[in-house]
């Protein structure tokens, strides 16, 4: 679940946050994390999504350069998703 900190978003940003979450919820692709629900709770926008265990791309990059084939494979998977 993602919930911005209280006071972190302006009303326009909160509206954009929810619109983007609801749009993402309509996407169905194996390389896009499913968004299950988006809404407002107690005046704060939120969305819930599937928990994906494992390493983030940012964590992987911190370990050093990716081998070329691994990097190409990742870029191809991302390109197919978007």
C-alpha atoms as a PDB file:
ATOM      1  CA  UNK A   1       0.000   0.000   0.000  1.00  0.00           C
ATOM      2  CA  UNK A   2       1.222   3.481  -0.761  1.00  0.00           C
ATOM      3  CA  UNK A   3       0.008   6.436   1.290  1.00  0.00           C
ATOM      4  CA  UNK A   4       1.683   9.840   0.995  1.00  0.00           C
ATOM      5  CA  UNK A   5       2.540  11.506   4.299  1.00  0.00           C
ATOM      6  CA  UNK A   6      -0.122  13.797   5.654  1.00  0.00           C
ATOM      7  CA  UNK A   7       0.308  17.274   4.206  1.00  0.00           C
ATOM      8  CA  UNK A   8       2.776  16.014   1.612  1.00  0.00           C
ATOM      9  CA  UNK A   9       0.439  16.581  -1.351  1.00  0.00           C
ATOM     10  CA  UNK A  10      -1.563  19.576  -2.468  1.00  0.00           C
ATOM     11  CA  UNK A  11      -5.206  18.842  -3.371  1.00  0.00           C
ATOM     12  CA  UNK A  12      -4.266  18.886  -7.076  1.00  0.00           C
ATOM     13  CA  UNK A  13      -1.374  16.477  -6.457  1.00  0.00           C
ATOM     14  CA  UNK A  14      -3.641  14.160  -4.438  1.00  0.00           C
ATOM     15  CA  UNK A  15      -6.136  14.132  -7.324  1.00  0.00           C
ATOM     16  CA  UNK A  16      -3.332  13.335  -9.774  1.00  0.00           C
ATOM     17  CA  UNK A  17      -2.028  10.565  -7.444  1.00  0.00           C
ATOM     18  CA  UNK A  18      -5.446   8.881  -7.388  1.00  0.00           C
ATOM     19  CA  UNK A  19      -6.063   9.324 -11.122  1.00  0.00           C
ATOM     20  CA  UNK A  20      -2.692   7.744 -11.914  1.00  0.00           C
ATOM     21  CA  UNK A  21      -3.330   4.843  -9.496  1.00  0.00           C
ATOM     22  CA  UNK A  22      -6.775   4.181 -10.976  1.00  0.00           C
ATOM     23  CA  UNK A  23      -5.366   4.284 -14.506  1.00  0.00           C
ATOM     24  CA  UNK A  24      -2.585   1.876 -13.534  1.00  0.00           C
ATOM     25  CA  UNK A  25      -5.184  -0.455 -11.983  1.00  0.00           C
ATOM     26  CA  UNK A  26      -6.666  -0.934 -15.465  1.00  0.00           C
ATOM     27  CA  UNK A  27      -3.369  -2.265 -16.873  1.00  0.00           C
ATOM     28  CA  UNK A  28      -2.917  -6.022 -17.112  1.00  0.00           C
ATOM     29  CA  UNK A  29       0.603  -7.168 -17.953  1.00  0.00           C
ATOM     30  CA  UNK A  30       2.980  -9.689 -16.328  1.00  0.00           C
ATOM     31  CA  UNK A  31       5.655  -7.001 -15.889  1.00  0.00           C
ATOM     32  CA  UNK A  32       3.388  -4.405 -14.264  1.00  0.00           C
ATOM     33  CA  UNK A  33       2.584  -4.755 -10.568  1.00  0.00           C
ATOM     34  CA  UNK A  34      -1.211  -4.969 -10.200  1.00  0.00           C
ATOM     35  CA  UNK A  35      -2.968  -2.143  -8.365  1.00  0.00           C
ATOM     36  CA  UNK A  36      -5.960  -3.551  -6.490  1.00  0.00           C
ATOM     37  CA  UNK A  37      -7.616  -0.464  -5.079  1.00  0.00           C
ATOM     38  CA  UNK A  38      -7.243   3.317  -5.016  1.00  0.00           C
ATOM     39  CA  UNK A  39      -9.165   5.758  -2.901  1.00  0.00           C
ATOM     40  CA  UNK A  40      -9.218   8.203  -0.049  1.00  0.00           C
ATOM     41  CA  UNK A  41      -9.129   7.248   3.632  1.00  0.00           C
ATOM     42  CA  UNK A  42      -9.585   9.878   6.304  1.00  0.00           C
ATOM     43  CA  UNK A  43      -8.654  12.619   3.832  1.00  0.00           C
ATOM     44  CA  UNK A  44      -5.525  10.856   2.605  1.00  0.00           C
ATOM     45  CA  UNK A  45      -5.191   9.255  -0.841  1.00  0.00           C
ATOM     46  CA  UNK A  46      -3.907   5.686  -1.040  1.00  0.00           C
ATOM     47  CA  UNK A  47      -3.539   2.732  -3.338  1.00  0.00           C
ATOM     48  CA  UNK A  48      -2.895  -0.919  -2.647  1.00  0.00           C
ATOM     49  CA  UNK A  49      -0.927  -3.204  -4.898  1.00  0.00           C
ATOM     50  CA  UNK A  50       0.401  -6.744  -5.044  1.00  0.00           C
ATOM     51  CA  UNK A  51       3.418  -7.396  -2.830  1.00  0.00           C
ATOM     52  CA  UNK A  52       6.406  -8.379  -4.945  1.00  0.00           C
ATOM     53  CA  UNK A  53       9.259  -9.988  -3.017  1.00  0.00           C
ATOM     54  CA  UNK A  54      12.803  -9.466  -4.197  1.00  0.00           C
ATOM     55  CA  UNK A  55      15.384  -6.917  -5.121  1.00  0.00           C
ATOM     56  CA  UNK A  56      14.500  -3.539  -6.606  1.00  0.00           C
ATOM     57  CA  UNK A  57      16.252  -2.208  -9.670  1.00  0.00           C
ATOM     58  CA  UNK A  58      17.794   0.536  -7.500  1.00  0.00           C
ATOM     59  CA  UNK A  59      19.202  -2.113  -5.128  1.00  0.00           C
ATOM     60  CA  UNK A  60      20.600  -4.124  -8.044  1.00  0.00           C
ATOM     61  CA  UNK A  61      22.279  -1.112  -9.615  1.00  0.00           C
ATOM     62  CA  UNK A  62      23.968  -0.321  -6.280  1.00  0.00           C
ATOM     63  CA  UNK A  63      25.864  -3.623  -6.598  1.00  0.00           C
ATOM     64  CA  UNK A  64      27.667  -2.377  -9.691  1.00  0.00           C
ATOM     65  CA  UNK A  65      27.279  -2.462 -13.457  1.00  0.00           C
ATOM     66  CA  UNK A  66      24.971  -5.075 -14.933  1.00  0.00           C
ATOM     67  CA  UNK A  67      26.339  -7.526 -17.482  1.00  0.00           C
ATOM     68  CA  UNK A  68      25.272  -6.357 -20.942  1.00  0.00           C
ATOM     69  CA  UNK A  69      22.909  -9.281 -21.606  1.00  0.00           C
ATOM     70  CA  UNK A  70      21.217  -8.884 -18.205  1.00  0.00           C
ATOM     71  CA  UNK A  71      20.780  -5.145 -18.785  1.00  0.00           C
ATOM     72  CA  UNK A  72      19.408  -5.744 -22.297  1.00  0.00           C
ATOM     73  CA  UNK A  73      16.978  -8.342 -20.961  1.00  0.00           C
ATOM     74  CA  UNK A  74      15.719  -5.918 -18.298  1.00  0.00           C
ATOM     75  CA  UNK A  75      15.307  -3.079 -20.791  1.00  0.00           C
ATOM     76  CA  UNK A  76      13.390  -5.366 -23.160  1.00  0.00           C
ATOM     77  CA  UNK A  77      11.019  -6.494 -20.374  1.00  0.00           C
ATOM     78  CA  UNK A  78      10.414  -2.893 -19.324  1.00  0.00           C
ATOM     79  CA  UNK A  79       9.827  -1.817 -22.937  1.00  0.00           C
ATOM     80  CA  UNK A  80       7.251  -4.585 -23.453  1.00  0.00           C
ATOM     81  CA  UNK A  81       5.433  -3.515 -20.296  1.00  0.00           C
ATOM     82  CA  UNK A  82       5.195   0.127 -21.303  1.00  0.00           C
END
